[in-house]
Amino acid sequence: MMRSTVKVEAGLQRLAERIRGRRTTNLFLKQKVSRKLIREAIELARWAPNHHLTEPWHFHVLGPQAIAHSIELIRDNAAKKKDAAFGEFKAQAAGAIPGWLVVTCRKSDDEICQREDYASCCCAIQNLMLYLSEAGVASKWTTGAITLDERLFSILGSSSADNFVVGLIWYGYPKVLPTQTRKDLAQIMSELP
């Protein structure tokens, strides 16, 4: 049975609003996000396209102890970059973030496969963030210094020999959702004969 044009258009409009409305957020309420919702988001994230069904991703949901260790890594990296006061500032900001999730990608010796797997992980993260956004949960995908720190792998119980970090996803209920604009479509699109 075919869906009516009105239902299709309404569904497309809702999807378009969700995609345009998902924003990177830095300020979160102290309210925790349920693990059930995070599990649902990960379940949907894994349906991202992945060439040859490699499913190269792993989702590490951090609990209080892993978050505390991660905050110390942030403090240490920031202090080394600038000074102890900057390290403390970054640690305080990180400590205000209620939810932490690290997404890793399995390494491949095949350069083409590695590129495809990385792209798949990025699609999975977008799926996850869109689902959370629909549930009223904001997120920030970061690739900051902590994601490049080898010590993060010991917190994750993983190995940098076999995996690399695609991103750290901070999430929670937003205090404020920022607004943004994008370039005009004519500036970024070409139609070829």
Protein backbone atom coordinates (compact mmCIF):
# COMPACT_ATOMS: atom_id res chain seq x y z
CA MET A 1 0.00 0.00 0.00
CA MET A 2 1.46 3.37 -0.97
CA ARG A 3 1.74 6.12 1.57
CA SER A 4 -0.17 9.25 0.78
CA THR A 5 1.75 12.18 -0.63
CA VAL A 6 0.71 14.29 2.38
CA LYS A 7 2.17 11.75 4.85
CA VAL A 8 5.38 11.45 2.84
CA GLU A 9 5.80 15.23 2.66
CA ALA A 10 5.07 15.59 6.40
CA GLY A 11 7.63 12.89 7.19
CA LEU A 12 10.24 14.51 4.95
CA GLN A 13 9.59 17.91 6.53
CA ARG A 14 10.02 16.48 10.03
CA LEU A 15 13.27 14.78 9.03
CA ALA A 16 14.55 17.99 7.42
CA GLU A 17 13.73 19.94 10.60
CA ARG A 18 15.59 17.40 12.74
CA ILE A 19 18.69 17.48 10.54
CA ARG A 20 18.73 21.30 10.46
CA GLY A 21 17.93 21.56 14.17
CA ARG A 22 20.67 19.26 15.50
CA ARG A 23 23.34 21.58 16.86
CA THR A 24 26.67 21.12 18.61
CA THR A 25 26.10 22.09 22.20
CA ASN A 26 28.59 23.04 24.92
CA LEU A 27 26.27 23.80 27.83
CA PHE A 28 24.29 20.97 29.40
CA LEU A 29 21.89 20.65 32.30
CA LYS A 30 22.97 18.41 35.19
CA GLN A 31 20.16 15.98 34.34
CA LYS A 32 21.38 12.48 33.42
CA VAL A 33 20.38 10.78 30.18
CA SER A 34 19.06 7.25 30.62
CA ARG A 35 21.29 4.36 29.58
CA LYS A 36 18.25 2.88 27.84
CA LEU A 37 18.09 5.88 25.48
CA ILE A 38 21.85 5.67 24.81
CA ARG A 39 21.54 1.94 24.04
CA GLU A 40 18.66 2.69 21.63
CA ALA A 41 20.77 5.37 19.92
CA ILE A 42 23.70 2.96 19.54
CA GLU A 43 21.38 0.27 18.20
CA LEU A 44 20.28 2.67 15.45
CA ALA A 45 23.78 4.05 14.88
CA ARG A 46 25.00 0.62 13.84
CA TRP A 47 22.62 0.64 10.87
CA ALA A 48 24.88 3.15 9.12
CA PRO A 49 26.11 2.13 5.68
CA ASN A 50 29.32 0.09 5.89
CA HIS A 51 31.03 -1.43 2.87
CA HIS A 52 31.10 -5.25 2.96
CA LEU A 53 29.26 -5.05 6.31
CA THR A 54 32.52 -4.65 8.20
CA GLU A 55 30.77 -2.97 11.17
CA PRO A 56 34.11 -1.40 12.16
CA TRP A 57 32.82 0.62 15.12
CA HIS A 58 32.84 0.16 18.85
CA PHE A 59 30.84 2.39 21.21
CA HIS A 60 32.36 2.91 24.66
CA VAL A 61 29.80 4.36 27.09
CA LEU A 62 31.81 5.89 29.94
CA GLY A 63 30.69 5.60 33.54
CA PRO A 64 31.71 7.86 36.47
CA GLN A 65 35.15 6.29 37.00
CA ALA A 66 36.09 6.36 33.29
CA ILE A 67 34.83 9.96 33.05
CA ALA A 68 36.94 11.00 36.06
CA HIS A 69 40.06 9.46 34.48
CA SER A 70 39.23 11.15 31.17
CA ILE A 71 38.87 14.53 32.89
CA GLU A 72 42.36 14.05 34.34
CA LEU A 73 43.69 13.45 30.82
CA ILE A 74 42.02 16.66 29.68
CA ARG A 75 43.51 18.55 32.64
CA ASP A 76 46.99 17.16 31.92
CA ASN A 77 46.86 17.86 28.16
CA ALA A 78 45.57 21.40 28.64
CA ALA A 79 48.16 22.16 31.33
CA LYS A 80 50.94 20.93 29.05
CA LYS A 81 49.58 23.03 26.20
CA LYS A 82 49.37 26.25 28.22
CA ASP A 83 49.54 26.18 32.04
CA ALA A 84 47.97 24.67 35.18
CA ALA A 85 45.21 27.30 35.33
CA PHE A 86 44.15 26.45 31.78
CA GLY A 87 44.24 22.76 32.69
CA GLU A 88 41.94 23.41 35.65
CA PHE A 89 39.58 25.49 33.49
CA LYS A 90 39.30 22.70 30.88
CA ALA A 91 38.84 20.05 33.59
CA GLN A 92 36.03 22.06 35.21
CA ALA A 93 34.28 22.48 31.87
CA ALA A 94 34.62 18.75 31.12
CA GLY A 95 33.32 17.88 34.58
CA ALA A 96 30.06 19.68 33.81
CA ILE A 97 29.29 17.33 30.91
CA PRO A 98 26.84 14.62 32.00
CA GLY A 99 27.34 11.97 29.28
CA TRP A 100 30.45 10.64 27.57
CA LEU A 101 30.71 8.17 24.70
CA VAL A 102 33.85 7.31 22.72
CA VAL A 103 33.55 5.79 19.26
CA THR A 104 36.50 3.82 17.95
CA CYS A 105 37.15 2.29 14.54
CA ARG A 106 38.96 -0.96 13.89
CA LYS A 107 42.24 -0.42 12.01
CA SER A 108 42.83 -2.03 8.64
CA ASP A 109 46.03 -2.64 6.69
CA ASP A 110 44.05 -1.95 3.52
CA GLU A 111 44.01 1.84 2.95
CA ILE A 112 40.76 1.80 0.96
CA CYS A 113 39.01 -0.35 3.57
CA GLN A 114 40.28 1.98 6.31
CA ARG A 115 38.83 5.02 4.54
CA GLU A 116 35.51 3.26 4.02
CA ASP A 117 35.40 2.11 7.65
CA TYR A 118 36.17 5.60 8.95
CA ALA A 119 33.40 7.04 6.77
CA SER A 120 31.01 4.38 8.11
CA CYS A 121 31.87 5.31 11.69
CA CYS A 122 31.17 8.98 10.90
CA CYS A 123 27.77 8.00 9.46
CA ALA A 124 27.07 5.94 12.59
CA ILE A 125 27.89 8.91 14.81
CA GLN A 126 25.53 11.13 12.80
CA ASN A 127 22.77 8.51 13.15
CA LEU A 128 23.37 8.43 16.91
CA MET A 129 23.33 12.21 17.28
CA LEU A 130 20.18 12.62 15.18
CA TYR A 131 18.35 10.01 17.27
CA LEU A 132 19.44 11.71 20.49
CA SER A 133 18.39 15.08 19.08
CA GLU A 134 14.93 13.74 18.32
CA ALA A 135 14.74 12.68 22.00
CA GLY A 136 15.71 16.21 23.13
CA VAL A 137 19.32 15.29 23.96
CA ALA A 138 22.05 17.55 22.60
CA SER A 139 25.57 16.45 21.74
CA LYS A 140 29.04 17.58 20.82
CA TRP A 141 31.37 15.47 18.67
CA THR A 142 34.92 16.34 19.66
CA THR A 143 38.24 15.26 18.22
CA GLY A 144 40.29 17.21 20.75
CA ALA A 145 43.61 16.27 22.34
CA ILE A 146 42.11 13.57 24.55
CA THR A 147 41.08 11.57 21.46
CA LEU A 148 44.73 11.50 20.33
CA ASP A 149 46.12 10.58 23.76
CA GLU A 150 47.33 6.96 23.91
CA ARG A 151 46.34 6.86 27.60
CA LEU A 152 42.67 7.04 26.61
CA PHE A 153 42.91 3.45 25.33
CA SER A 154 43.75 2.13 28.80
CA ILE A 155 40.61 3.87 30.12
CA LEU A 156 38.59 2.22 27.33
CA GLY A 157 40.15 -1.19 27.89
CA SER A 158 41.15 -1.15 24.24
CA SER A 159 44.34 -1.02 22.19
CA SER A 160 45.64 1.67 19.86
CA ALA A 161 47.34 -1.10 17.90
CA ASP A 162 43.94 -2.36 16.76
CA ASN A 163 41.70 0.75 16.90
CA PHE A 164 41.69 4.51 16.60
CA VAL A 165 39.33 7.08 18.07
CA VAL A 166 36.85 8.60 15.63
CA GLY A 167 35.35 10.89 18.24
CA LEU A 168 34.33 11.60 21.78
CA ILE A 169 30.62 12.38 21.95
CA TRP A 170 29.55 14.54 24.87
CA TYR A 171 25.81 14.50 25.43
CA GLY A 172 23.10 15.72 27.75
CA TYR A 173 19.99 17.83 27.95
CA PRO A 174 20.89 21.30 26.61
CA LYS A 175 20.83 24.55 28.55
CA VAL A 176 20.75 26.40 25.22
CA LEU A 177 20.64 25.25 21.62
CA PRO A 178 22.68 27.55 19.39
CA THR A 179 21.42 28.64 15.98
CA GLN A 180 23.44 28.57 12.78
CA THR A 181 23.23 29.29 9.08
CA ARG A 182 24.84 27.66 6.08
CA LYS A 183 26.17 28.91 2.75
CA ASP A 184 23.71 29.31 -0.10
CA LEU A 185 23.15 26.04 -1.94
CA ALA A 186 24.46 27.56 -5.19
CA GLN A 187 27.87 28.04 -3.51
CA ILE A 188 28.33 24.36 -2.68
CA MET A 189 26.50 22.48 -5.44
CA SER A 190 27.21 21.89 -9.11
CA GLU A 191 24.81 20.24 -11.56
CA LEU A 192 26.66 18.56 -14.39
CA PRO A 193 25.27 17.61 -17.79
